Amino acid sequence: MLVLLTGAAGMLGTALLAEFGRAGWVVEALTRRDLDIADRTAVLQVVAKIRPYVVVNAAAYTAVDGCEHQPVRAFRVNTLGPLNLGLACREQGIPLVHFSTDYVFDGRASTPYREDAPPRPINVYGKSKLAGERALLRVAGCPVIFRTSWLFGPGGRNFVDTTLRSLQQVGWMRVVTDQVGCPTYTRDLAMAVCRLIARGITAPLAGIYHLTNGGSCSWYQLAQAVALLAGYQAWQIIPTTSMELGRPALRPAFSVLANDRWRREGFPMLRNYRQALGAYLMGDKGICPQPQGGQGIEL
């Protein structure tokens, strides 16, 4: 099987590339330097030349606060890019796998968001990703869109690594308690994507899926879990609120995703995020360092 993977150098792209390799698939892995997905002519030419079995798009501009400052870049990468890939895949009759975010929701719900819940993004990042979803559903012949959340894994910046680095270097950190979501291990997500591709992407399997590790928590609870699993003390994680931090972009207070459609299609659910977190810390990070004193930082 030949897979065309865009965004191959990112955190999710790294996990997908590794998992596709373990499956024995041939992968044409393209980084941002290899292909600007916002360049329609280049995208059409590359997809037509390679003619893969499936295109998997892991390219995105994911800096939530950065999107507020650079909305043109956000929509260029997160909306125009998927649109171009969708057009290229439709032209060649190729299925497309794309990734979106829990931030397409406003966070006002009190129960996990189902796939059919009305999206109402409250920041530029979420708006650009939702526009990308809608563009794909409009133009691509057989798109699969995975909404996922709070990714961690090797190969890129993520909250778990930031927590470890903060505790190691400064001894404590401040984390918000009023944002709740589903942490998701990129290796587990990549394995799930492989299962769907291996089954064969046909029209009945196309559309939107919510896919995360099991369970939910606040960023504060996740930081505490990281600290305790890594041998630090819970008191080193100091609670704060989103208002106190005053970040440029609003975040949804509650963005837990219900993985209903994935379950209905008969795929195995991803393990609980705490199990995945332990696997990441032990398998990818090795022995965690001991804390050192110093001044704290805010996240």
C-alpha atoms as a PDB file:
ATOM      1  CA  MET A   1       0.000   0.000   0.000  1.00  0.00           C
ATOM      2  CA  LEU A   2       1.313   3.459  -0.917  1.00  0.00           C
ATOM      3  CA  VAL A   3       0.447   6.303   1.453  1.00  0.00           C
ATOM      4  CA  LEU A   4       1.091   9.993   0.830  1.00  0.00           C
ATOM      5  CA  LEU A   5       1.660  11.661   4.202  1.00  0.00           C
ATOM      6  CA  THR A   6       1.788  15.448   4.490  1.00  0.00           C
ATOM      7  CA  GLY A   7       3.066  17.184   7.618  1.00  0.00           C
ATOM      8  CA  ALA A   8       5.393  14.238   8.185  1.00  0.00           C
ATOM      9  CA  ALA A   9       7.832  16.172  10.407  1.00  0.00           C
ATOM     10  CA  GLY A  10       5.257  17.187  13.025  1.00  0.00           C
ATOM     11  CA  MET A  11       4.349  15.342  16.202  1.00  0.00           C
ATOM     12  CA  LEU A  12       1.355  13.545  14.711  1.00  0.00           C
ATOM     13  CA  GLY A  13       3.144  13.037  11.398  1.00  0.00           C
ATOM     14  CA  THR A  14       6.044  11.395  13.235  1.00  0.00           C
ATOM     15  CA  ALA A  15       3.699   8.890  14.903  1.00  0.00           C
ATOM     16  CA  LEU A  16       1.841   8.168  11.669  1.00  0.00           C
ATOM     17  CA  LEU A  17       5.059   7.621   9.731  1.00  0.00           C
ATOM     18  CA  ALA A  18       6.295   5.153  12.341  1.00  0.00           C
ATOM     19  CA  GLU A  19       2.995   3.267  12.459  1.00  0.00           C
ATOM     20  CA  PHE A  20       2.678   3.069   8.678  1.00  0.00           C
ATOM     21  CA  GLY A  21       6.207   1.643   8.613  1.00  0.00           C
ATOM     22  CA  ARG A  22       5.298  -0.990  11.197  1.00  0.00           C
ATOM     23  CA  ALA A  23       2.338  -1.946   9.013  1.00  0.00           C
ATOM     24  CA  GLY A  24       4.732  -2.537   6.128  1.00  0.00           C
ATOM     25  CA  TRP A  25       3.268   0.204   3.956  1.00  0.00           C
ATOM     26  CA  VAL A  26       5.257   2.321   1.517  1.00  0.00           C
ATOM     27  CA  VAL A  27       5.087   5.963   2.581  1.00  0.00           C
ATOM     28  CA  GLU A  28       5.811   9.102   0.581  1.00  0.00           C
ATOM     29  CA  ALA A  29       6.473  11.377   3.555  1.00  0.00           C
ATOM     30  CA  LEU A  30       6.375  15.098   2.787  1.00  0.00           C
ATOM     31  CA  THR A  31       7.290  17.881   5.182  1.00  0.00           C
ATOM     32  CA  ARG A  32       6.343  21.548   4.914  1.00  0.00           C
ATOM     33  CA  ARG A  33       9.564  22.142   2.995  1.00  0.00           C
ATOM     34  CA  ASP A  34       8.650  19.428   0.509  1.00  0.00           C
ATOM     35  CA  LEU A  35       5.091  20.604  -0.104  1.00  0.00           C
ATOM     36  CA  ASP A  36       3.179  23.741   0.815  1.00  0.00           C
ATOM     37  CA  ILE A  37      -0.369  22.400   0.961  1.00  0.00           C
ATOM     38  CA  ALA A  38      -1.700  25.934   0.455  1.00  0.00           C
ATOM     39  CA  ASP A  39      -0.142  25.926  -3.034  1.00  0.00           C
ATOM     40  CA  ARG A  40      -2.926  24.392  -5.142  1.00  0.00           C
ATOM     41  CA  THR A  41      -0.858  23.865  -8.260  1.00  0.00           C
ATOM     42  CA  ALA A  42       1.864  22.055  -6.326  1.00  0.00           C
ATOM     43  CA  VAL A  43      -0.656  19.885  -4.471  1.00  0.00           C
ATOM     44  CA  LEU A  44      -2.461  18.861  -7.661  1.00  0.00           C
ATOM     45  CA  GLN A  45       0.824  17.992  -9.344  1.00  0.00           C
ATOM     46  CA  VAL A  46       2.223  15.975  -6.423  1.00  0.00           C
ATOM     47  CA  VAL A  47      -0.921  13.908  -5.849  1.00  0.00           C
ATOM     48  CA  ALA A  48      -1.273  13.213  -9.585  1.00  0.00           C
ATOM     49  CA  LYS A  49       2.379  12.167  -9.832  1.00  0.00           C
ATOM     50  CA  ILE A  50       2.469   9.893  -6.771  1.00  0.00           C
ATOM     51  CA  ARG A  51      -1.034   8.414  -7.140  1.00  0.00           C
ATOM     52  CA  PRO A  52      -1.156   6.908  -3.636  1.00  0.00           C
ATOM     53  CA  TYR A  53      -3.800   4.578  -2.275  1.00  0.00           C
ATOM     54  CA  VAL A  54      -4.675   7.207   0.349  1.00  0.00           C
ATOM     55  CA  VAL A  55      -3.569  10.722   1.304  1.00  0.00           C
ATOM     56  CA  VAL A  56      -3.146  11.407   5.039  1.00  0.00           C
ATOM     57  CA  ASN A  57      -2.888  15.070   5.980  1.00  0.00           C
ATOM     58  CA  ALA A  58      -1.148  15.785   9.282  1.00  0.00           C
ATOM     59  CA  ALA A  59      -0.094  19.303   8.254  1.00  0.00           C
ATOM     60  CA  ALA A  60      -1.611  22.101  10.340  1.00  0.00           C
ATOM     61  CA  TYR A  61      -0.891  25.379  12.092  1.00  0.00           C
ATOM     62  CA  THR A  62      -1.692  24.396  15.686  1.00  0.00           C
ATOM     63  CA  ALA A  63      -0.342  27.313  17.740  1.00  0.00           C
ATOM     64  CA  VAL A  64      -3.637  28.442  19.258  1.00  0.00           C
ATOM     65  CA  ASP A  65      -2.386  31.837  20.441  1.00  0.00           C
ATOM     66  CA  GLY A  66      -0.299  32.229  17.297  1.00  0.00           C
ATOM     67  CA  CYS A  67      -3.439  31.866  15.184  1.00  0.00           C
ATOM     68  CA  GLU A  68      -4.938  34.899  16.925  1.00  0.00           C
ATOM     69  CA  HIS A  69      -1.944  36.966  15.848  1.00  0.00           C
ATOM     70  CA  GLN A  70      -1.629  35.385  12.397  1.00  0.00           C
ATOM     71  CA  PRO A  71      -5.166  34.610  11.161  1.00  0.00           C
ATOM     72  CA  VAL A  72      -4.146  34.711   7.506  1.00  0.00           C
ATOM     73  CA  ARG A  73      -1.566  32.007   8.106  1.00  0.00           C
ATOM     74  CA  ALA A  74      -4.079  29.993  10.135  1.00  0.00           C
ATOM     75  CA  PHE A  75      -6.691  29.953   7.369  1.00  0.00           C
ATOM     76  CA  ARG A  76      -4.065  29.446   4.686  1.00  0.00           C
ATOM     77  CA  VAL A  77      -2.767  26.246   6.284  1.00  0.00           C
ATOM     78  CA  ASN A  78      -5.845  24.946   8.113  1.00  0.00           C
ATOM     79  CA  THR A  79      -8.497  25.785   5.512  1.00  0.00           C
ATOM     80  CA  LEU A  80      -6.947  26.364   2.092  1.00  0.00           C
ATOM     81  CA  GLY A  81      -4.512  23.452   2.542  1.00  0.00           C
ATOM     82  CA  PRO A  82      -7.196  20.809   3.189  1.00  0.00           C
ATOM     83  CA  LEU A  83      -9.319  22.274   0.405  1.00  0.00           C
ATOM     84  CA  ASN A  84      -6.454  21.832  -2.063  1.00  0.00           C
ATOM     85  CA  LEU A  85      -5.807  18.276  -0.924  1.00  0.00           C
ATOM     86  CA  GLY A  86      -9.503  17.496  -1.190  1.00  0.00           C
ATOM     87  CA  LEU A  87      -9.648  18.781  -4.751  1.00  0.00           C
ATOM     88  CA  ALA A  88      -6.561  16.771  -5.703  1.00  0.00           C
ATOM     89  CA  CYS A  89      -7.947  13.591  -4.150  1.00  0.00           C
ATOM     90  CA  ARG A  90     -11.308  14.051  -5.881  1.00  0.00           C
ATOM     91  CA  GLU A  91      -9.555  14.537  -9.196  1.00  0.00           C
ATOM     92  CA  GLN A  92      -7.623  11.268  -8.764  1.00  0.00           C
ATOM     93  CA  GLY A  93     -10.367   9.281  -7.028  1.00  0.00           C
ATOM     94  CA  ILE A  94      -8.278   8.881  -3.856  1.00  0.00           C
ATOM     95  CA  PRO A  95      -9.589   8.838  -0.249  1.00  0.00           C
ATOM     96  CA  LEU A  96      -8.275  11.455   2.176  1.00  0.00           C
ATOM     97  CA  VAL A  97      -7.694  11.259   5.933  1.00  0.00           C
ATOM     98  CA  HIS A  98      -7.553  14.612   7.746  1.00  0.00           C
ATOM     99  CA  PHE A  99      -7.300  15.727  11.385  1.00  0.00           C
ATOM    100  CA  SER A 100      -9.332  18.377  13.141  1.00  0.00           C
ATOM    101  CA  THR A 101      -9.781  19.494  16.730  1.00  0.00           C
ATOM    102  CA  ASP A 102     -12.009  19.680  19.778  1.00  0.00           C
ATOM    103  CA  TYR A 103     -11.631  23.452  19.512  1.00  0.00           C
ATOM    104  CA  VAL A 104     -14.385  23.559  16.874  1.00  0.00           C
ATOM    105  CA  PHE A 105     -16.725  23.592  19.918  1.00  0.00           C
ATOM    106  CA  ASP A 106     -17.417  26.503  22.269  1.00  0.00           C
ATOM    107  CA  GLY A 107     -17.033  24.487  25.483  1.00  0.00           C
ATOM    108  CA  ARG A 108     -20.447  25.294  26.931  1.00  0.00           C
ATOM    109  CA  ALA A 109     -21.628  21.667  26.989  1.00  0.00           C
ATOM    110  CA  SER A 110     -21.767  19.585  30.148  1.00  0.00           C
ATOM    111  CA  THR A 111     -21.627  16.185  28.431  1.00  0.00           C
ATOM    112  CA  PRO A 112     -19.131  14.911  25.821  1.00  0.00           C
ATOM    113  CA  TYR A 113     -19.592  16.270  22.316  1.00  0.00           C
ATOM    114  CA  ARG A 114     -20.945  13.821  19.751  1.00  0.00           C
ATOM    115  CA  GLU A 115     -19.986  14.033  16.097  1.00  0.00           C
ATOM    116  CA  ASP A 116     -23.335  15.637  15.227  1.00  0.00           C
ATOM    117  CA  ALA A 117     -23.088  18.385  17.865  1.00  0.00           C
ATOM    118  CA  PRO A 118     -23.231  21.897  16.346  1.00  0.00           C
ATOM    119  CA  PRO A 119     -19.708  23.368  16.181  1.00  0.00           C
ATOM    120  CA  ARG A 120     -19.240  26.923  17.474  1.00  0.00           C
ATOM    121  CA  PRO A 121     -15.522  27.766  17.662  1.00  0.00           C
ATOM    122  CA  ILE A 122     -14.482  30.675  19.876  1.00  0.00           C
ATOM    123  CA  ASN A 123     -10.951  31.273  18.570  1.00  0.00           C
ATOM    124  CA  VAL A 124      -9.232  31.681  15.210  1.00  0.00           C
ATOM    125  CA  TYR A 125      -7.624  28.255  15.402  1.00  0.00           C
ATOM    126  CA  GLY A 126     -10.984  26.526  15.850  1.00  0.00           C
ATOM    127  CA  LYS A 127     -12.607  28.650  13.133  1.00  0.00           C
ATOM    128  CA  SER A 128      -9.843  27.841  10.642  1.00  0.00           C
ATOM    129  CA  LYS A 129     -10.042  24.121  11.403  1.00  0.00           C
ATOM    130  CA  LEU A 130     -13.830  24.073  11.100  1.00  0.00           C
ATOM    131  CA  ALA A 131     -13.595  25.872   7.767  1.00  0.00           C
ATOM    132  CA  GLY A 132     -11.112  23.200   6.668  1.00  0.00           C
ATOM    133  CA  GLU A 133     -13.556  20.439   7.674  1.00  0.00           C
ATOM    134  CA  ARG A 134     -16.384  22.028   5.723  1.00  0.00           C
ATOM    135  CA  ALA A 135     -14.213  22.577   2.669  1.00  0.00           C
ATOM    136  CA  LEU A 136     -13.211  18.912   2.653  1.00  0.00           C
ATOM    137  CA  LEU A 137     -16.747  17.637   3.088  1.00  0.00           C
ATOM    138  CA  ARG A 138     -17.814  19.858   0.197  1.00  0.00           C
ATOM    139  CA  VAL A 139     -15.143  18.968  -2.358  1.00  0.00           C
ATOM    140  CA  ALA A 140     -13.473  15.654  -1.463  1.00  0.00           C
ATOM    141  CA  GLY A 141     -14.961  12.435  -2.777  1.00  0.00           C
ATOM    142  CA  CYS A 142     -14.279  10.227   0.252  1.00  0.00           C
ATOM    143  CA  PRO A 143     -12.865  12.204   3.193  1.00  0.00           C
ATOM    144  CA  VAL A 144     -12.363  10.901   6.721  1.00  0.00           C
ATOM    145  CA  ILE A 145     -11.984  13.616   9.359  1.00  0.00           C
ATOM    146  CA  PHE A 146     -10.718  12.765  12.834  1.00  0.00           C
ATOM    147  CA  ARG A 147     -11.430  15.345  15.518  1.00  0.00           C
ATOM    148  CA  THR A 148      -8.976  14.735  18.313  1.00  0.00           C
ATOM    149  CA  SER A 149      -7.562  16.694  21.241  1.00  0.00           C
ATOM    150  CA  TRP A 150      -4.694  17.519  23.587  1.00  0.00           C
ATOM    151  CA  LEU A 151      -2.078  15.507  21.700  1.00  0.00           C
ATOM    152  CA  PHE A 152       1.144  14.333  23.300  1.00  0.00           C
ATOM    153  CA  GLY A 153       3.920  12.151  21.931  1.00  0.00           C
ATOM    154  CA  PRO A 154       7.464  12.216  20.578  1.00  0.00           C
ATOM    155  CA  GLY A 155       8.556  14.514  17.804  1.00  0.00           C
ATOM    156  CA  GLY A 156       6.993  17.837  18.763  1.00  0.00           C
ATOM    157  CA  ARG A 157       6.085  20.325  21.463  1.00  0.00           C
ATOM    158  CA  ASN A 158       3.375  19.119  23.818  1.00  0.00           C
ATOM    159  CA  PHE A 159       2.021  19.806  27.289  1.00  0.00           C
ATOM    160  CA  VAL A 160       3.451  16.658  28.877  1.00  0.00           C
ATOM    161  CA  ASP A 161       6.987  17.519  27.805  1.00  0.00           C
ATOM    162  CA  THR A 162       6.506  21.124  28.912  1.00  0.00           C
ATOM    163  CA  THR A 163       5.392  19.912  32.338  1.00  0.00           C
ATOM    164  CA  LEU A 164       8.443  17.668  32.723  1.00  0.00           C
ATOM    165  CA  ARG A 165      10.795  20.405  31.576  1.00  0.00           C
ATOM    166  CA  SER A 166       9.249  22.965  33.918  1.00  0.00           C
ATOM    167  CA  LEU A 167       9.453  20.683  36.941  1.00  0.00           C
ATOM    168  CA  GLN A 168      13.014  19.739  36.091  1.00  0.00           C
ATOM    169  CA  GLN A 169      14.259  23.254  35.484  1.00  0.00           C
ATOM    170  CA  VAL A 170      12.257  25.430  37.880  1.00  0.00           C
ATOM    171  CA  GLY A 171      10.611  23.032  40.325  1.00  0.00           C
ATOM    172  CA  TRP A 172       6.984  24.117  39.944  1.00  0.00           C
ATOM    173  CA  MET A 173       4.439  25.391  37.441  1.00  0.00           C
ATOM    174  CA  ARG A 174       1.042  27.077  37.318  1.00  0.00           C
ATOM    175  CA  VAL A 175      -1.720  25.366  35.322  1.00  0.00           C
ATOM    176  CA  VAL A 176      -5.390  26.140  34.642  1.00  0.00           C
ATOM    177  CA  THR A 177      -8.145  24.144  36.333  1.00  0.00           C
ATOM    178  CA  ASP A 178     -11.071  25.413  34.249  1.00  0.00           C
ATOM    179  CA  GLN A 179     -10.377  23.714  30.898  1.00  0.00           C
ATOM    180  CA  VAL A 180     -11.382  20.053  30.599  1.00  0.00           C
ATOM    181  CA  GLY A 181     -10.616  17.763  27.662  1.00  0.00           C
ATOM    182  CA  CYS A 182      -9.255  14.391  26.528  1.00  0.00           C
ATOM    183  CA  PRO A 183      -5.460  13.901  26.409  1.00  0.00           C
ATOM    184  CA  THR A 184      -4.514  11.752  23.411  1.00  0.00           C
ATOM    185  CA  TYR A 185      -1.301   9.830  22.730  1.00  0.00           C
ATOM    186  CA  THR A 186      -0.191  10.214  19.120  1.00  0.00           C
ATOM    187  CA  ARG A 187       0.978   6.585  18.930  1.00  0.00           C
ATOM    188  CA  ASP A 188      -2.496   5.327  19.919  1.00  0.00           C
ATOM    189  CA  LEU A 189      -4.159   7.697  17.451  1.00  0.00           C
ATOM    190  CA  ALA A 190      -1.828   6.564  14.658  1.00  0.00           C
ATOM    191  CA  MET A 191      -2.588   2.902  15.347  1.00  0.00           C
ATOM    192  CA  ALA A 192      -6.302   3.640  15.107  1.00  0.00           C
ATOM    193  CA  VAL A 193      -5.859   5.458  11.803  1.00  0.00           C
ATOM    194  CA  CYS A 194      -4.028   2.401  10.455  1.00  0.00           C
ATOM    195  CA  ARG A 195      -6.953   0.197  11.421  1.00  0.00           C
ATOM    196  CA  LEU A 196      -9.392   2.329   9.475  1.00  0.00           C
ATOM    197  CA  ILE A 197      -7.176   2.555   6.386  1.00  0.00           C
ATOM    198  CA  ALA A 198      -6.540  -1.195   6.473  1.00  0.00           C
ATOM    199  CA  ARG A 199     -10.277  -1.857   6.508  1.00  0.00           C
ATOM    200  CA  GLY A 200     -10.603   0.168   3.310  1.00  0.00           C
ATOM    201  CA  ILE A 201     -12.001   3.699   3.118  1.00  0.00           C
ATOM    202  CA  THR A 202     -15.307   3.510   1.277  1.00  0.00           C
ATOM    203  CA  ALA A 203     -18.250   5.919   1.277  1.00  0.00           C
ATOM    204  CA  PRO A 204     -19.952   4.316   4.325  1.00  0.00           C
ATOM    205  CA  LEU A 205     -16.806   4.963   6.400  1.00  0.00           C
ATOM    206  CA  ALA A 206     -16.334   8.557   5.222  1.00  0.00           C
ATOM    207  CA  GLY A 207     -17.188  11.591   7.346  1.00  0.00           C
ATOM    208  CA  ILE A 208     -16.365  12.830  10.836  1.00  0.00           C
ATOM    209  CA  TYR A 209     -15.097  10.789  13.775  1.00  0.00           C
ATOM    210  CA  HIS A 210     -14.211  11.858  17.287  1.00  0.00           C
ATOM    211  CA  LEU A 211     -11.180   9.898  18.456  1.00  0.00           C
ATOM    212  CA  THR A 212      -9.284  10.358  21.717  1.00  0.00           C
ATOM    213  CA  ASN A 213      -7.865   8.279  24.512  1.00  0.00           C
ATOM    214  CA  GLY A 214     -10.407   7.347  27.175  1.00  0.00           C
ATOM    215  CA  GLY A 215     -11.179   9.505  30.177  1.00  0.00           C
ATOM    216  CA  SER A 216     -10.998  13.257  30.638  1.00  0.00           C
ATOM    217  CA  CYS A 217      -9.323  15.767  32.937  1.00  0.00           C
ATOM    218  CA  SER A 218      -8.371  19.402  33.311  1.00  0.00           C
ATOM    219  CA  TRP A 219      -4.939  20.663  32.296  1.00  0.00           C
ATOM    220  CA  TYR A 220      -4.229  20.950  36.028  1.00  0.00           C
ATOM    221  CA  GLN A 221      -5.162  17.310  36.626  1.00  0.00           C
ATOM    222  CA  LEU A 222      -3.059  16.229  33.651  1.00  0.00           C
ATOM    223  CA  ALA A 223      -0.051  18.134  34.981  1.00  0.00           C
ATOM    224  CA  GLN A 224      -0.558  16.514  38.391  1.00  0.00           C
ATOM    225  CA  ALA A 225      -0.692  13.069  36.768  1.00  0.00           C
ATOM    226  CA  VAL A 226       2.539  13.786  34.886  1.00  0.00           C
ATOM    227  CA  ALA A 227       4.224  15.016  38.052  1.00  0.00           C
ATOM    228  CA  LEU A 228       3.195  12.027  40.146  1.00  0.00           C
ATOM    229  CA  LEU A 229       4.047   9.448  37.480  1.00  0.00           C
ATOM    230  CA  ALA A 230       7.444  11.106  37.040  1.00  0.00           C
ATOM    231  CA  GLY A 231       8.216  11.123  40.759  1.00  0.00           C
ATOM    232  CA  TYR A 232       7.437  14.741  41.631  1.00  0.00           C
ATOM    233  CA  GLN A 233       5.053  16.088  44.273  1.00  0.00           C
ATOM    234  CA  ALA A 234       1.472  17.220  43.642  1.00  0.00           C
ATOM    235  CA  TRP A 235       2.062  20.540  45.420  1.00  0.00           C
ATOM    236  CA  GLN A 236       4.529  21.515  42.707  1.00  0.00           C
ATOM    237  CA  ILE A 237       1.554  22.004  40.362  1.00  0.00           C
ATOM    238  CA  ILE A 238      -0.194  25.242  41.325  1.00  0.00           C
ATOM    239  CA  PRO A 239      -3.809  25.805  40.210  1.00  0.00           C
ATOM    240  CA  THR A 240      -4.901  28.937  38.372  1.00  0.00           C
ATOM    241  CA  THR A 241      -7.686  30.047  36.020  1.00  0.00           C
ATOM    242  CA  SER A 242      -7.867  30.980  32.364  1.00  0.00           C
ATOM    243  CA  MET A 243      -8.797  34.550  33.313  1.00  0.00           C
ATOM    244  CA  GLU A 244      -5.760  34.865  35.547  1.00  0.00           C
ATOM    245  CA  LEU A 245      -3.468  33.685  32.769  1.00  0.00           C
ATOM    246  CA  GLY A 246      -5.031  36.003  30.191  1.00  0.00           C
ATOM    247  CA  ARG A 247      -3.964  34.155  27.047  1.00  0.00           C
ATOM    248  CA  PRO A 248      -4.649  35.869  23.673  1.00  0.00           C
ATOM    249  CA  ALA A 249      -6.999  33.088  22.487  1.00  0.00           C
ATOM    250  CA  LEU A 250     -10.081  31.917  24.327  1.00  0.00           C
ATOM    251  CA  ARG A 251     -10.211  28.176  25.029  1.00  0.00           C
ATOM    252  CA  PRO A 252     -13.341  26.054  25.456  1.00  0.00           C
ATOM    253  CA  ALA A 253     -13.976  25.254  29.109  1.00  0.00           C
ATOM    254  CA  PHE A 254     -15.232  21.752  28.274  1.00  0.00           C
ATOM    255  CA  SER A 255     -14.182  20.036  25.046  1.00  0.00           C
ATOM    256  CA  VAL A 256     -14.496  16.340  25.890  1.00  0.00           C
ATOM    257  CA  LEU A 257     -15.270  14.316  22.768  1.00  0.00           C
ATOM    258  CA  ALA A 258     -17.576  11.286  22.705  1.00  0.00           C
ATOM    259  CA  ASN A 259     -16.072   8.641  20.413  1.00  0.00           C
ATOM    260  CA  ASP A 260     -19.522   7.358  19.443  1.00  0.00           C
ATOM    261  CA  ARG A 261     -19.105   6.742  15.741  1.00  0.00           C
ATOM    262  CA  TRP A 262     -15.765   4.947  16.169  1.00  0.00           C
ATOM    263  CA  ARG A 263     -17.495   2.558  18.568  1.00  0.00           C
ATOM    264  CA  ARG A 264     -20.493   2.076  16.259  1.00  0.00           C
ATOM    265  CA  GLU A 265     -18.214   1.137  13.362  1.00  0.00           C
ATOM    266  CA  GLY A 266     -16.794  -1.682  15.477  1.00  0.00           C
ATOM    267  CA  PHE A 267     -13.293  -0.345  16.015  1.00  0.00           C
ATOM    268  CA  PRO A 268     -11.562  -0.934  19.390  1.00  0.00           C
ATOM    269  CA  MET A 269     -11.638   2.080  21.687  1.00  0.00           C
ATOM    270  CA  LEU A 270      -8.369   3.725  22.667  1.00  0.00           C
ATOM    271  CA  ARG A 271      -7.061   2.995  26.168  1.00  0.00           C
ATOM    272  CA  ASN A 272      -7.475   5.417  29.072  1.00  0.00           C
ATOM    273  CA  TYR A 273      -5.259   8.476  28.849  1.00  0.00           C
ATOM    274  CA  ARG A 274      -3.510   7.587  32.135  1.00  0.00           C
ATOM    275  CA  GLN A 275      -2.360   4.265  30.709  1.00  0.00           C
ATOM    276  CA  ALA A 276      -1.218   6.039  27.552  1.00  0.00           C
ATOM    277  CA  LEU A 277       0.557   8.693  29.617  1.00  0.00           C
ATOM    278  CA  GLY A 278       2.419   6.025  31.576  1.00  0.00           C
ATOM    279  CA  ALA A 279       3.458   4.321  28.336  1.00  0.00           C
ATOM    280  CA  TYR A 280       4.757   7.612  26.945  1.00  0.00           C
ATOM    281  CA  LEU A 281       6.726   8.490  30.075  1.00  0.00           C
ATOM    282  CA  MET A 282       8.262   5.056  30.445  1.00  0.00           C
ATOM    283  CA  GLY A 283       8.681   4.128  26.791  1.00  0.00           C
ATOM    284  CA  ASP A 284       9.478   7.392  25.053  1.00  0.00           C
ATOM    285  CA  LYS A 285      10.870   9.562  27.829  1.00  0.00           C
ATOM    286  CA  GLY A 286      12.754   6.989  29.883  1.00  0.00           C
ATOM    287  CA  ILE A 287      13.685   7.764  33.482  1.00  0.00           C
ATOM    288  CA  CYS A 288      12.356  11.185  34.396  1.00  0.00           C
ATOM    289  CA  PRO A 289      14.731  13.714  36.045  1.00  0.00           C
ATOM    290  CA  GLN A 290      14.428  14.891  39.616  1.00  0.00           C
ATOM    291  CA  PRO A 291      13.098  18.404  40.272  1.00  0.00           C
ATOM    292  CA  GLN A 292      15.356  21.363  40.855  1.00  0.00           C
ATOM    293  CA  GLY A 293      14.606  24.581  42.665  1.00  0.00           C
ATOM    294  CA  GLY A 294      14.011  27.879  40.995  1.00  0.00           C
ATOM    295  CA  GLN A 295      11.331  30.235  39.757  1.00  0.00           C
ATOM    296  CA  GLY A 296       8.121  28.889  38.269  1.00  0.00           C
ATOM    297  CA  ILE A 297       6.472  29.552  34.930  1.00  0.00           C
ATOM    298  CA  GLU A 298       2.820  29.784  33.938  1.00  0.00           C
ATOM    299  CA  LEU A 299       1.071  27.578  31.360  1.00  0.00           C
END
